[in-house]
Amino acid sequence: MSVHAMQTCRDNAEILIHPSSCTGGYLLDENGREVAITEQMVQQACAELEHQWVPAPRYASN
């Protein structure tokens, strides 16, 4: 997950407004504070991975 994804979640404090959006996991920020992982963070990370995905090269079999 990118630092941008974590920063976005911390900045809007979504977990305080919608505690049910928490996935049950936590990250530690650069100051050692726990930051709840939200559904939005998971979706954003998946979208980034999908965007960066490239298929593995195919090798000719012998």
Protein backbone atom coordinates (compact mmCIF):
# COMPACT_ATOMS: atom_id res chain seq x y z
CA MET A 1 0.00 0.00 0.00
CA SER A 2 1.27 3.41 -0.83
CA VAL A 3 1.94 6.10 1.73
CA HIS A 4 -0.64 8.20 -0.14
CA ALA A 5 -3.39 5.67 0.60
CA MET A 6 -2.56 5.66 4.31
CA GLN A 7 -2.33 9.46 4.43
CA THR A 8 -5.74 9.89 2.77
CA CYS A 9 -7.43 7.70 5.35
CA ARG A 10 -5.75 9.40 8.29
CA ASP A 11 -6.53 12.87 7.01
CA ASN A 12 -10.28 12.35 6.69
CA ALA A 13 -10.56 10.24 9.87
CA GLU A 14 -13.19 8.05 8.20
CA ILE A 15 -12.83 5.38 10.88
CA LEU A 16 -14.05 7.83 13.53
CA ILE A 17 -17.14 8.65 11.47
CA HIS A 18 -17.86 5.11 10.23
CA PRO A 19 -16.27 2.63 12.66
CA SER A 20 -17.94 -0.29 10.85
CA SER A 21 -15.70 0.41 7.83
CA CYS A 22 -12.69 -0.92 9.76
CA THR A 23 -11.39 -4.24 8.44
CA GLY A 24 -10.01 -5.25 11.84
CA GLY A 25 -6.36 -4.57 11.04
CA TYR A 26 -4.04 -1.71 11.88
CA LEU A 27 -0.94 -0.07 10.42
CA LEU A 28 1.67 1.91 12.29
CA ASP A 29 2.26 5.40 10.95
CA GLU A 30 5.63 7.16 10.89
CA ASN A 31 5.04 8.31 14.49
CA GLY A 32 4.23 4.83 15.80
CA ARG A 33 0.47 5.46 16.10
CA GLU A 34 -2.00 2.75 15.13
CA VAL A 35 -4.14 3.58 12.11
CA ALA A 36 -7.18 1.39 11.44
CA ILE A 37 -7.26 -0.21 7.99
CA THR A 38 -10.54 0.69 6.30
CA GLU A 39 -12.38 -0.85 3.37
CA GLN A 40 -11.50 2.27 1.37
CA MET A 41 -7.79 1.68 1.99
CA VAL A 42 -8.07 -1.96 0.87
CA GLN A 43 -9.99 -0.99 -2.28
CA GLN A 44 -7.47 1.73 -3.13
CA ALA A 45 -4.54 -0.66 -2.66
CA CYS A 46 -6.22 -3.25 -4.89
CA ALA A 47 -6.87 -0.62 -7.56
CA GLU A 48 -3.20 0.43 -7.47
CA LEU A 49 -2.07 -3.18 -7.82
CA GLU A 50 -4.47 -3.78 -10.70
CA HIS A 51 -3.19 -0.65 -12.44
CA GLN A 52 0.46 -1.73 -12.04
CA TRP A 53 -0.10 -5.39 -12.96
CA VAL A 54 1.70 -6.77 -15.98
CA PRO A 55 1.40 -10.35 -17.22
CA ALA A 56 4.34 -12.68 -16.66
CA PRO A 57 6.41 -13.31 -19.77
CA ARG A 58 5.68 -16.57 -21.56
CA TYR A 59 8.65 -18.82 -22.12
CA ALA A 60 8.82 -21.34 -24.94
CA SER A 61 8.71 -24.89 -23.64
CA ASN A 62 11.37 -27.34 -24.81
